Amino acid sequence: AGEDCGEGRSKPCPDPYLRALALLGASAERSVAGVAAGMPVVAIASESREAKVVAAGASMIATDYRDAKLWAALDADAVA
């Protein structure tokens, strides 16, 4: 949340994502959120918003959580 970014900082600060990673013992390479934290981001967006989310730094765009591209990428990552 914005209040987790510290005094004088606002979204999109990476602090909440980085803190969550630290608490979970996870790595940015295995996460799916946080462009500002240097993490890959999957955007769930319609075609009309595609250019906007790409400009914001999305690594991949899925139309919804059932999108075959999303699940193929997750399966490929699990095998890697």
N, C-alpha and C. Protein backbone atom coordinates (compact mmCIF):
# COMPACT_ATOMS: atom_id res chain seq x y z
N ALA A 1 0.83 -1.18 0.00
CA ALA A 1 0.00 0.00 0.00
C ALA A 1 0.87 1.24 0.00
N GLY A 2 0.32 2.34 -0.42
CA GLY A 2 1.08 3.59 -0.49
C GLY A 2 1.72 4.00 0.81
N GLU A 3 1.03 3.75 1.94
CA GLU A 3 1.60 4.14 3.23
C GLU A 3 2.81 3.29 3.60
N ASP A 4 3.04 2.19 2.92
CA ASP A 4 4.19 1.33 3.18
C ASP A 4 5.46 1.81 2.48
N CYS A 5 5.36 2.91 1.76
CA CYS A 5 6.49 3.40 0.98
C CYS A 5 7.39 4.33 1.76
N GLY A 6 7.02 4.72 2.93
CA GLY A 6 7.87 5.59 3.73
C GLY A 6 7.58 7.06 3.50
N GLU A 7 8.11 7.87 4.39
CA GLU A 7 7.90 9.32 4.36
C GLU A 7 8.40 9.92 3.05
N GLY A 8 7.56 10.72 2.41
CA GLY A 8 7.95 11.43 1.20
C GLY A 8 8.02 10.57 -0.05
N ARG A 9 7.61 9.31 0.04
CA ARG A 9 7.64 8.42 -1.12
C ARG A 9 6.22 7.97 -1.41
N SER A 10 5.94 7.73 -2.66
CA SER A 10 4.61 7.27 -3.03
C SER A 10 4.74 6.18 -4.08
N LYS A 11 3.62 5.55 -4.36
CA LYS A 11 3.62 4.53 -5.40
C LYS A 11 4.17 5.14 -6.69
N PRO A 12 4.92 4.43 -7.45
CA PRO A 12 5.15 3.00 -7.41
C PRO A 12 6.45 2.58 -6.70
N CYS A 13 6.69 3.00 -5.52
CA CYS A 13 7.91 2.59 -4.81
C CYS A 13 7.90 1.07 -4.65
N PRO A 14 9.06 0.43 -4.72
CA PRO A 14 9.13 -1.03 -4.66
C PRO A 14 9.15 -1.59 -3.24
N ASP A 15 9.15 -0.74 -2.22
CA ASP A 15 9.34 -1.21 -0.85
C ASP A 15 8.40 -2.34 -0.41
N PRO A 16 7.08 -2.24 -0.64
CA PRO A 16 6.22 -3.34 -0.19
C PRO A 16 6.57 -4.68 -0.85
N TYR A 17 6.92 -4.64 -2.14
CA TYR A 17 7.29 -5.87 -2.84
C TYR A 17 8.59 -6.43 -2.28
N LEU A 18 9.57 -5.57 -2.10
CA LEU A 18 10.86 -6.01 -1.59
C LEU A 18 10.73 -6.56 -0.18
N ARG A 19 9.91 -5.93 0.64
CA ARG A 19 9.68 -6.41 2.01
C ARG A 19 9.01 -7.78 1.98
N ALA A 20 8.01 -7.95 1.12
CA ALA A 20 7.33 -9.24 1.01
C ALA A 20 8.31 -10.33 0.57
N LEU A 21 9.15 -10.01 -0.39
CA LEU A 21 10.16 -10.99 -0.83
C LEU A 21 11.07 -11.39 0.32
N ALA A 22 11.52 -10.40 1.07
CA ALA A 22 12.42 -10.68 2.19
C ALA A 22 11.73 -11.56 3.23
N LEU A 23 10.48 -11.25 3.55
CA LEU A 23 9.74 -12.03 4.54
C LEU A 23 9.49 -13.47 4.08
N LEU A 24 9.29 -13.63 2.78
CA LEU A 24 9.01 -14.95 2.22
C LEU A 24 10.27 -15.72 1.86
N GLY A 25 11.42 -15.04 1.89
CA GLY A 25 12.65 -15.69 1.46
C GLY A 25 12.62 -15.98 -0.03
N ALA A 26 11.93 -15.15 -0.78
CA ALA A 26 11.77 -15.34 -2.22
C ALA A 26 12.71 -14.42 -2.98
N SER A 27 12.80 -14.63 -4.28
CA SER A 27 13.66 -13.80 -5.12
C SER A 27 12.83 -13.04 -6.14
N ALA A 28 13.35 -11.92 -6.59
CA ALA A 28 12.66 -11.12 -7.61
C ALA A 28 12.50 -11.90 -8.90
N GLU A 29 13.46 -12.74 -9.22
CA GLU A 29 13.41 -13.51 -10.46
C GLU A 29 12.22 -14.46 -10.50
N ARG A 30 11.71 -14.86 -9.35
CA ARG A 30 10.60 -15.81 -9.29
C ARG A 30 9.27 -15.12 -8.96
N SER A 31 9.24 -13.81 -8.99
CA SER A 31 8.05 -13.06 -8.64
C SER A 31 7.39 -12.50 -9.89
N VAL A 32 6.12 -12.12 -9.76
CA VAL A 32 5.37 -11.61 -10.92
C VAL A 32 4.84 -10.21 -10.71
N ALA A 33 5.45 -9.42 -9.86
CA ALA A 33 4.99 -8.05 -9.65
C ALA A 33 6.15 -7.14 -9.29
N GLY A 34 6.02 -5.89 -9.62
CA GLY A 34 6.98 -4.90 -9.15
C GLY A 34 7.99 -4.41 -10.16
N VAL A 35 7.55 -3.75 -11.21
CA VAL A 35 8.48 -3.19 -12.20
C VAL A 35 9.54 -2.35 -11.51
N ALA A 36 9.13 -1.54 -10.58
CA ALA A 36 10.08 -0.66 -9.89
C ALA A 36 11.09 -1.44 -9.07
N ALA A 37 10.77 -2.67 -8.71
CA ALA A 37 11.70 -3.51 -7.95
C ALA A 37 12.54 -4.38 -8.88
N GLY A 38 12.37 -4.20 -10.19
CA GLY A 38 13.14 -4.99 -11.14
C GLY A 38 12.59 -6.40 -11.35
N MET A 39 11.31 -6.58 -11.04
CA MET A 39 10.68 -7.89 -11.18
C MET A 39 9.87 -7.95 -12.47
N PRO A 40 9.72 -9.14 -13.04
CA PRO A 40 8.82 -9.26 -14.19
C PRO A 40 7.37 -9.06 -13.73
N VAL A 41 6.57 -8.45 -14.59
CA VAL A 41 5.18 -8.15 -14.24
C VAL A 41 4.26 -8.70 -15.32
N VAL A 42 3.24 -9.42 -14.90
CA VAL A 42 2.20 -9.89 -15.80
C VAL A 42 1.00 -8.97 -15.63
N ALA A 43 0.58 -8.34 -16.70
CA ALA A 43 -0.58 -7.46 -16.67
C ALA A 43 -1.80 -8.21 -17.16
N ILE A 44 -2.89 -8.09 -16.45
CA ILE A 44 -4.17 -8.61 -16.90
C ILE A 44 -4.90 -7.41 -17.48
N ALA A 45 -4.97 -7.34 -18.80
CA ALA A 45 -5.50 -6.15 -19.45
C ALA A 45 -6.17 -6.49 -20.77
N SER A 46 -7.12 -5.66 -21.15
CA SER A 46 -7.77 -5.81 -22.44
C SER A 46 -6.85 -5.29 -23.53
N GLU A 47 -7.15 -5.65 -24.77
CA GLU A 47 -6.34 -5.20 -25.90
C GLU A 47 -6.29 -3.68 -25.98
N SER A 48 -7.36 -3.01 -25.57
CA SER A 48 -7.39 -1.55 -25.65
C SER A 48 -6.40 -0.90 -24.68
N ARG A 49 -5.97 -1.61 -23.65
CA ARG A 49 -5.02 -1.07 -22.67
C ARG A 49 -3.61 -1.63 -22.86
N GLU A 50 -3.41 -2.46 -23.87
CA GLU A 50 -2.13 -3.13 -24.08
C GLU A 50 -0.97 -2.16 -24.17
N ALA A 51 -1.08 -1.11 -24.97
CA ALA A 51 0.02 -0.15 -25.12
C ALA A 51 0.35 0.52 -23.80
N LYS A 52 -0.66 0.80 -23.01
CA LYS A 52 -0.44 1.47 -21.72
C LYS A 52 0.32 0.58 -20.75
N VAL A 53 -0.04 -0.70 -20.65
CA VAL A 53 0.65 -1.57 -19.70
C VAL A 53 2.05 -1.93 -20.18
N VAL A 54 2.25 -2.00 -21.49
CA VAL A 54 3.61 -2.22 -22.02
C VAL A 54 4.48 -1.01 -21.68
N ALA A 55 3.93 0.19 -21.87
CA ALA A 55 4.68 1.41 -21.55
C ALA A 55 5.00 1.48 -20.06
N ALA A 56 4.14 0.89 -19.22
CA ALA A 56 4.37 0.89 -17.78
C ALA A 56 5.38 -0.16 -17.35
N GLY A 57 5.76 -1.05 -18.28
CA GLY A 57 6.81 -2.02 -17.98
C GLY A 57 6.37 -3.46 -17.87
N ALA A 58 5.15 -3.78 -18.26
CA ALA A 58 4.70 -5.16 -18.17
C ALA A 58 5.57 -6.07 -19.03
N SER A 59 5.94 -7.20 -18.46
CA SER A 59 6.74 -8.19 -19.18
C SER A 59 5.87 -9.04 -20.09
N MET A 60 4.61 -9.19 -19.70
CA MET A 60 3.68 -10.05 -20.43
C MET A 60 2.28 -9.52 -20.21
N ILE A 61 1.41 -9.71 -21.19
CA ILE A 61 0.02 -9.30 -21.07
C ILE A 61 -0.87 -10.52 -21.27
N ALA A 62 -1.79 -10.72 -20.36
CA ALA A 62 -2.79 -11.77 -20.47
C ALA A 62 -4.16 -11.10 -20.48
N THR A 63 -5.11 -11.69 -21.19
CA THR A 63 -6.44 -11.09 -21.25
C THR A 63 -7.23 -11.34 -19.97
N ASP A 64 -6.97 -12.46 -19.30
CA ASP A 64 -7.56 -12.78 -18.00
C ASP A 64 -6.74 -13.90 -17.38
N TYR A 65 -7.14 -14.36 -16.20
CA TYR A 65 -6.36 -15.39 -15.51
C TYR A 65 -6.47 -16.76 -16.16
N ARG A 66 -7.36 -16.92 -17.13
CA ARG A 66 -7.48 -18.18 -17.86
C ARG A 66 -6.66 -18.18 -19.14
N ASP A 67 -6.02 -17.07 -19.47
CA ASP A 67 -5.27 -16.92 -20.72
C ASP A 67 -4.21 -18.03 -20.85
N ALA A 68 -4.26 -18.76 -21.95
CA ALA A 68 -3.33 -19.87 -22.18
C ALA A 68 -1.87 -19.42 -22.18
N LYS A 69 -1.59 -18.20 -22.66
CA LYS A 69 -0.20 -17.69 -22.65
C LYS A 69 0.33 -17.60 -21.23
N LEU A 70 -0.50 -17.14 -20.32
CA LEU A 70 -0.10 -17.01 -18.92
C LEU A 70 0.25 -18.37 -18.34
N TRP A 71 -0.63 -19.35 -18.53
CA TRP A 71 -0.39 -20.68 -17.96
C TRP A 71 0.79 -21.37 -18.62
N ALA A 72 0.98 -21.15 -19.92
CA ALA A 72 2.14 -21.74 -20.59
C ALA A 72 3.43 -21.15 -20.03
N ALA A 73 3.44 -19.86 -19.78
CA ALA A 73 4.63 -19.21 -19.21
C ALA A 73 4.89 -19.72 -17.79
N LEU A 74 3.84 -19.87 -17.01
CA LEU A 74 4.01 -20.38 -15.64
C LEU A 74 4.51 -21.82 -15.66
N ASP A 75 3.98 -22.64 -16.57
CA ASP A 75 4.44 -24.02 -16.69
C ASP A 75 5.89 -24.08 -17.13
N ALA A 76 6.27 -23.24 -18.09
CA ALA A 76 7.66 -23.21 -18.58
C ALA A 76 8.59 -22.79 -17.46
N ASP A 77 8.16 -21.83 -16.64
CA ASP A 77 8.99 -21.36 -15.54
C ASP A 77 9.16 -22.45 -14.48
N ALA A 78 8.12 -23.22 -14.25
CA ALA A 78 8.19 -24.28 -13.24
C ALA A 78 9.16 -25.38 -13.67
N VAL A 79 9.27 -25.60 -14.97
CA VAL A 79 10.16 -26.63 -15.50
C VAL A 79 11.60 -26.14 -15.50
N ALA A 80 11.79 -24.84 -15.68
CA ALA A 80 13.15 -24.28 -15.79
C ALA A 80 13.93 -24.38 -14.50
